[in-house]
C-alpha atoms as a PDB file:
ATOM      1  CA  UNK A   1     -13.900 174.758 109.003  1.00  0.00           C
ATOM      2  CA  UNK A   2     -15.786 172.561 110.521  1.00  0.00           C
ATOM      3  CA  UNK A   3     -18.422 170.101 109.023  1.00  0.00           C
ATOM      4  CA  UNK A   4     -21.258 168.847 110.999  1.00  0.00           C
ATOM      5  CA  UNK A   5     -23.605 166.000 109.494  1.00  0.00           C
ATOM      6  CA  UNK A   6     -26.567 165.654 110.838  1.00  0.00           C
ATOM      7  CA  UNK A   7     -29.657 162.542 111.194  1.00  0.00           C
ATOM      8  CA  UNK A   8     -32.628 165.454 112.331  1.00  0.00           C
ATOM      9  CA  UNK A   9     -35.004 162.888 112.074  1.00  0.00           C
ATOM     10  CA  UNK A  10     -35.949 162.861 115.827  1.00  0.00           C
ATOM     11  CA  UNK A  11     -35.109 166.638 116.359  1.00  0.00           C
ATOM     12  CA  UNK A  12     -33.024 169.148 115.673  1.00  0.00           C
ATOM     13  CA  UNK A  13     -29.526 168.723 117.575  1.00  0.00           C
ATOM     14  CA  UNK A  14     -27.124 169.360 114.455  1.00  0.00           C
ATOM     15  CA  UNK A  15     -29.136 172.678 113.487  1.00  0.00           C
ATOM     16  CA  UNK A  16     -28.720 173.477 117.343  1.00  0.00           C
ATOM     17  CA  UNK A  17     -25.231 172.435 116.910  1.00  0.00           C
ATOM     18  CA  UNK A  18     -24.627 174.719 113.976  1.00  0.00           C
ATOM     19  CA  UNK A  19     -25.780 177.727 115.537  1.00  0.00           C
ATOM     20  CA  UNK A  20     -24.200 177.212 119.121  1.00  0.00           C
ATOM     21  CA  UNK A  21     -20.922 176.465 117.090  1.00  0.00           C
ATOM     22  CA  UNK A  22     -21.488 179.985 114.757  1.00  0.00           C
ATOM     23  CA  UNK A  23     -21.220 182.008 117.825  1.00  0.00           C
ATOM     24  CA  UNK A  24     -17.791 181.133 118.017  1.00  0.00           C
ATOM     25  CA  UNK A  25     -16.891 182.625 114.707  1.00  0.00           C
ATOM     26  CA  UNK A  26     -15.923 179.258 113.504  1.00  0.00           C
ATOM     27  CA  UNK A  27     -16.668 178.516 109.559  1.00  0.00           C
ATOM     28  CA  UNK A  28     -19.221 175.485 110.401  1.00  0.00           C
ATOM     29  CA  UNK A  29     -21.229 173.719 107.332  1.00  0.00           C
ATOM     30  CA  UNK A  30     -23.992 171.405 108.121  1.00  0.00           C
ATOM     31  CA  UNK A  31     -26.292 168.901 106.448  1.00  0.00           C
ATOM     32  CA  UNK A  32     -29.034 166.899 107.079  1.00  0.00           C
ATOM     33  CA  UNK A  33     -28.400 163.154 105.741  1.00  0.00           C
ATOM     34  CA  UNK A  34     -31.649 162.173 106.659  1.00  0.00           C
ATOM     35  CA  UNK A  35     -32.976 164.933 103.703  1.00  0.00           C
ATOM     36  CA  UNK A  36     -29.853 163.415 101.187  1.00  0.00           C
ATOM     37  CA  UNK A  37     -29.989 161.165  97.616  1.00  0.00           C
ATOM     38  CA  UNK A  38     -26.896 159.127  99.661  1.00  0.00           C
ATOM     39  CA  UNK A  39     -27.349 155.154  98.513  1.00  0.00           C
ATOM     40  CA  UNK A  40     -25.411 152.526 100.203  1.00  0.00           C
ATOM     41  CA  UNK A  41     -21.686 152.073  99.915  1.00  0.00           C
ATOM     42  CA  UNK A  42     -21.383 148.874  96.788  1.00  0.00           C
ATOM     43  CA  UNK A  43     -18.137 147.583  98.298  1.00  0.00           C
ATOM     44  CA  UNK A  44     -17.091 147.663  94.733  1.00  0.00           C
ATOM     45  CA  UNK A  45     -13.546 148.177  95.981  1.00  0.00           C
ATOM     46  CA  UNK A  46     -12.538 150.657  93.097  1.00  0.00           C
ATOM     47  CA  UNK A  47     -12.255 154.039  95.105  1.00  0.00           C
ATOM     48  CA  UNK A  48      -9.269 152.684  96.637  1.00  0.00           C
ATOM     49  CA  UNK A  49      -8.517 150.692  93.102  1.00  0.00           C
ATOM     50  CA  UNK A  50      -9.426 151.225  89.423  1.00  0.00           C
ATOM     51  CA  UNK A  51     -10.965 155.317  90.886  1.00  0.00           C
ATOM     52  CA  UNK A  52      -8.995 155.818  93.545  1.00  0.00           C
ATOM     53  CA  UNK A  53     -10.096 158.619  95.450  1.00  0.00           C
ATOM     54  CA  UNK A  54     -13.536 157.986  93.593  1.00  0.00           C
ATOM     55  CA  UNK A  55     -16.577 156.736  94.264  1.00  0.00           C
ATOM     56  CA  UNK A  56     -18.320 155.052  91.890  1.00  0.00           C
ATOM     57  CA  UNK A  57     -21.620 156.122  93.143  1.00  0.00           C
ATOM     58  CA  UNK A  58     -23.227 159.376  91.462  1.00  0.00           C
ATOM     59  CA  UNK A  59     -25.340 160.683  94.523  1.00  0.00           C
ATOM     60  CA  UNK A  60     -25.279 163.872  97.012  1.00  0.00           C
ATOM     61  CA  UNK A  61     -22.157 161.964  98.844  1.00  0.00           C
ATOM     62  CA  UNK A  62     -20.154 163.184  95.617  1.00  0.00           C
ATOM     63  CA  UNK A  63     -20.895 167.423  96.945  1.00  0.00           C
ATOM     64  CA  UNK A  64     -20.078 165.329 100.777  1.00  0.00           C
ATOM     65  CA  UNK A  65     -16.428 164.583 100.315  1.00  0.00           C
ATOM     66  CA  UNK A  66     -14.933 167.382  98.936  1.00  0.00           C
ATOM     67  CA  UNK A  67     -16.434 169.674 102.490  1.00  0.00           C
ATOM     68  CA  UNK A  68     -15.023 166.268 104.494  1.00  0.00           C
ATOM     69  CA  UNK A  69     -11.779 166.011 102.841  1.00  0.00           C
ATOM     70  CA  UNK A  70     -10.794 169.912 103.816  1.00  0.00           C
ATOM     71  CA  UNK A  71     -12.512 170.186 107.586  1.00  0.00           C
ATOM     72  CA  UNK A  72     -10.696 170.279 110.224  1.00  0.00           C
ATOM     73  CA  UNK A  73     -13.402 168.584 112.154  1.00  0.00           C
ATOM     74  CA  UNK A  74     -16.165 166.452 111.320  1.00  0.00           C
ATOM     75  CA  UNK A  75     -18.693 165.635 113.409  1.00  0.00           C
ATOM     76  CA  UNK A  76     -21.805 163.013 112.855  1.00  0.00           C
ATOM     77  CA  UNK A  77     -25.099 163.968 115.246  1.00  0.00           C
ATOM     78  CA  UNK A  78     -27.978 160.753 115.351  1.00  0.00           C
ATOM     79  CA  UNK A  79     -30.306 158.783 116.647  1.00  0.00           C
ATOM     80  CA  UNK A  80     -28.780 156.177 118.777  1.00  0.00           C
ATOM     81  CA  UNK A  81     -30.231 153.087 117.002  1.00  0.00           C
ATOM     82  CA  UNK A  82     -29.015 149.760 119.003  1.00  0.00           C
ATOM     83  CA  UNK A  83     -25.868 151.031 120.317  1.00  0.00           C
ATOM     84  CA  UNK A  84     -25.073 152.484 116.816  1.00  0.00           C
ATOM     85  CA  UNK A  85     -26.171 155.870 114.508  1.00  0.00           C
ATOM     86  CA  UNK A  86     -29.161 155.918 112.041  1.00  0.00           C
ATOM     87  CA  UNK A  87     -29.291 154.566 108.355  1.00  0.00           C
ATOM     88  CA  UNK A  88     -28.368 157.502 107.159  1.00  0.00           C
ATOM     89  CA  UNK A  89     -25.239 158.047 108.870  1.00  0.00           C
ATOM     90  CA  UNK A  90     -24.473 155.178 108.888  1.00  0.00           C
ATOM     91  CA  UNK A  91     -24.362 154.971 104.859  1.00  0.00           C
ATOM     92  CA  UNK A  92     -22.682 158.391 105.639  1.00  0.00           C
ATOM     93  CA  UNK A  93     -20.083 156.523 107.425  1.00  0.00           C
ATOM     94  CA  UNK A  94     -19.412 153.686 104.698  1.00  0.00           C
ATOM     95  CA  UNK A  95     -19.317 156.158 101.391  1.00  0.00           C
ATOM     96  CA  UNK A  96     -16.559 158.165 103.555  1.00  0.00           C
ATOM     97  CA  UNK A  97     -13.909 155.205 102.705  1.00  0.00           C
ATOM     98  CA  UNK A  98     -12.895 156.475  99.689  1.00  0.00           C
ATOM     99  CA  UNK A  99     -11.316 159.161 101.544  1.00  0.00           C
ATOM    100  CA  UNK A 100      -8.771 156.287 103.353  1.00  0.00           C
ATOM    101  CA  UNK A 101      -5.845 155.032 102.755  1.00  0.00           C
ATOM    102  CA  UNK A 102      -5.695 151.873 100.314  1.00  0.00           C
ATOM    103  CA  UNK A 103      -3.137 150.317 103.049  1.00  0.00           C
ATOM    104  CA  UNK A 104      -3.995 148.050 105.870  1.00  0.00           C
ATOM    105  CA  UNK A 105      -1.506 148.449 108.150  1.00  0.00           C
ATOM    106  CA  UNK A 106      -0.638 147.236 111.995  1.00  0.00           C
ATOM    107  CA  UNK A 107      -1.155 149.998 114.780  1.00  0.00           C
ATOM    108  CA  UNK A 108      -0.953 148.981 118.484  1.00  0.00           C
ATOM    109  CA  UNK A 109      -2.277 145.262 117.370  1.00  0.00           C
ATOM    110  CA  UNK A 110      -4.756 146.213 115.226  1.00  0.00           C
ATOM    111  CA  UNK A 111      -5.367 146.500 111.769  1.00  0.00           C
ATOM    112  CA  UNK A 112      -5.734 150.544 110.553  1.00  0.00           C
ATOM    113  CA  UNK A 113      -7.083 151.804 107.343  1.00  0.00           C
ATOM    114  CA  UNK A 114      -6.345 155.426 107.803  1.00  0.00           C
ATOM    115  CA  UNK A 115      -7.830 158.556 105.749  1.00  0.00           C
ATOM    116  CA  UNK A 116      -6.432 161.078 103.886  1.00  0.00           C
ATOM    117  CA  UNK A 117      -7.539 163.877 105.644  1.00  0.00           C
ATOM    118  CA  UNK A 118      -4.947 164.577 107.765  1.00  0.00           C
ATOM    119  CA  UNK A 119      -5.238 165.973 111.388  1.00  0.00           C
ATOM    120  CA  UNK A 120      -9.509 165.814 111.108  1.00  0.00           C
ATOM    121  CA  UNK A 121     -11.192 164.938 114.430  1.00  0.00           C
ATOM    122  CA  UNK A 122     -13.959 163.077 114.390  1.00  0.00           C
ATOM    123  CA  UNK A 123     -16.579 163.133 117.143  1.00  0.00           C
ATOM    124  CA  UNK A 124     -20.034 162.072 117.098  1.00  0.00           C
ATOM    125  CA  UNK A 125     -23.278 162.968 118.998  1.00  0.00           C
ATOM    126  CA  UNK A 126     -25.974 160.262 120.038  1.00  0.00           C
ATOM    127  CA  UNK A 127     -29.651 161.240 120.698  1.00  0.00           C
ATOM    128  CA  UNK A 128     -31.341 159.242 122.680  1.00  0.00           C
ATOM    129  CA  UNK A 129     -34.130 159.030 126.031  1.00  0.00           C
ATOM    130  CA  UNK A 130     -33.433 156.214 128.422  1.00  0.00           C
ATOM    131  CA  UNK A 131     -30.376 155.023 127.202  1.00  0.00           C
ATOM    132  CA  UNK A 132     -29.878 151.198 128.551  1.00  0.00           C
ATOM    133  CA  UNK A 133     -26.442 150.951 129.518  1.00  0.00           C
ATOM    134  CA  UNK A 134     -25.297 148.143 127.074  1.00  0.00           C
ATOM    135  CA  UNK A 135     -26.535 150.715 124.211  1.00  0.00           C
ATOM    136  CA  UNK A 136     -24.038 153.127 125.841  1.00  0.00           C
ATOM    137  CA  UNK A 137     -21.121 151.407 125.848  1.00  0.00           C
ATOM    138  CA  UNK A 138     -21.997 150.191 122.453  1.00  0.00           C
ATOM    139  CA  UNK A 139     -22.400 153.513 121.091  1.00  0.00           C
ATOM    140  CA  UNK A 140     -19.424 155.022 122.705  1.00  0.00           C
ATOM    141  CA  UNK A 141     -17.203 151.862 121.689  1.00  0.00           C
ATOM    142  CA  UNK A 142     -18.080 152.050 118.196  1.00  0.00           C
ATOM    143  CA  UNK A 143     -16.519 155.797 117.539  1.00  0.00           C
ATOM    144  CA  UNK A 144     -13.264 154.446 119.581  1.00  0.00           C
ATOM    145  CA  UNK A 145     -13.430 151.683 116.754  1.00  0.00           C
ATOM    146  CA  UNK A 146     -13.602 154.282 114.109  1.00  0.00           C
ATOM    147  CA  UNK A 147     -11.165 156.682 115.506  1.00  0.00           C
ATOM    148  CA  UNK A 148      -8.527 153.399 115.536  1.00  0.00           C
ATOM    149  CA  UNK A 149      -9.401 152.302 112.074  1.00  0.00           C
ATOM    150  CA  UNK A 150      -9.313 156.333 110.331  1.00  0.00           C
ATOM    151  CA  UNK A 151      -6.171 157.064 112.928  1.00  0.00           C
ATOM    152  CA  UNK A 152      -7.828 160.196 113.624  1.00  0.00           C
ATOM    153  CA  UNK A 153      -8.684 161.949 117.310  1.00  0.00           C
ATOM    154  CA  UNK A 154     -11.893 162.592 118.348  1.00  0.00           C
ATOM    155  CA  UNK A 155     -14.798 161.612 120.376  1.00  0.00           C
ATOM    156  CA  UNK A 156     -18.311 161.038 121.202  1.00  0.00           C
ATOM    157  CA  UNK A 157     -20.849 162.746 123.246  1.00  0.00           C
ATOM    158  CA  UNK A 158     -24.662 161.293 124.912  1.00  0.00           C
ATOM    159  CA  UNK A 159     -27.594 164.090 124.775  1.00  0.00           C
ATOM    160  CA  UNK A 160     -31.226 163.496 125.278  1.00  0.00           C
ATOM    161  CA  UNK A 161     -34.256 164.919 125.500  1.00  0.00           C
ATOM    162  CA  UNK A 162     -34.053 167.386 128.067  1.00  0.00           C
ATOM    163  CA  UNK A 163     -30.658 168.091 127.447  1.00  0.00           C
ATOM    164  CA  UNK A 164     -29.834 171.590 128.028  1.00  0.00           C
ATOM    165  CA  UNK A 165     -27.953 174.477 126.630  1.00  0.00           C
ATOM    166  CA  UNK A 166     -25.014 174.020 129.126  1.00  0.00           C
ATOM    167  CA  UNK A 167     -24.564 170.520 127.870  1.00  0.00           C
ATOM    168  CA  UNK A 168     -24.484 171.904 123.700  1.00  0.00           C
ATOM    169  CA  UNK A 169     -22.524 174.685 124.934  1.00  0.00           C
ATOM    170  CA  UNK A 170     -20.141 171.539 126.464  1.00  0.00           C
ATOM    171  CA  UNK A 171     -19.347 169.667 123.262  1.00  0.00           C
ATOM    172  CA  UNK A 172     -18.888 173.217 121.304  1.00  0.00           C
ATOM    173  CA  UNK A 173     -16.287 174.280 123.433  1.00  0.00           C
ATOM    174  CA  UNK A 174     -14.921 170.548 123.037  1.00  0.00           C
ATOM    175  CA  UNK A 175     -15.054 170.629 119.302  1.00  0.00           C
ATOM    176  CA  UNK A 176     -14.072 173.880 118.620  1.00  0.00           C
ATOM    177  CA  UNK A 177     -10.826 174.595 120.825  1.00  0.00           C
ATOM    178  CA  UNK A 178      -9.761 171.459 120.839  1.00  0.00           C
END
């Protein structure tokens, strides 16, 4: 199963991606992050300690976590904001730490937490027109670092408002068949 979490506040890219994946007869679930009630992480550490594997914050993230924990691929779709992702997607990224391994370890000279979801692929699709090279580089680096921290494979893609169906199809091919 593929889980798409999209901030569609600046376009319907998440919905377009979902429709394209459905045509491959792959099971897909899509959530609109900008319409969900997801509170920011409290950084309390309870999910890796006292309430291991469970977040103490009761909000819409509780319906996302089981889907993410059971997915083959997680796809985040967001407007690019200062080289990163939107507030709605950032809150969700922080909150999936509940699925993380509580123990850090070293990998390739970096401190890595990992994620308890085995063999999950992690993709990000950034949306922005007239993207400056520094923002593009920052977005791609942000995704790479998230992959390192979570110890998962994946890829980042960037689209703009003039991207066509072929661009979206290439992303679908990578997500579905990798």
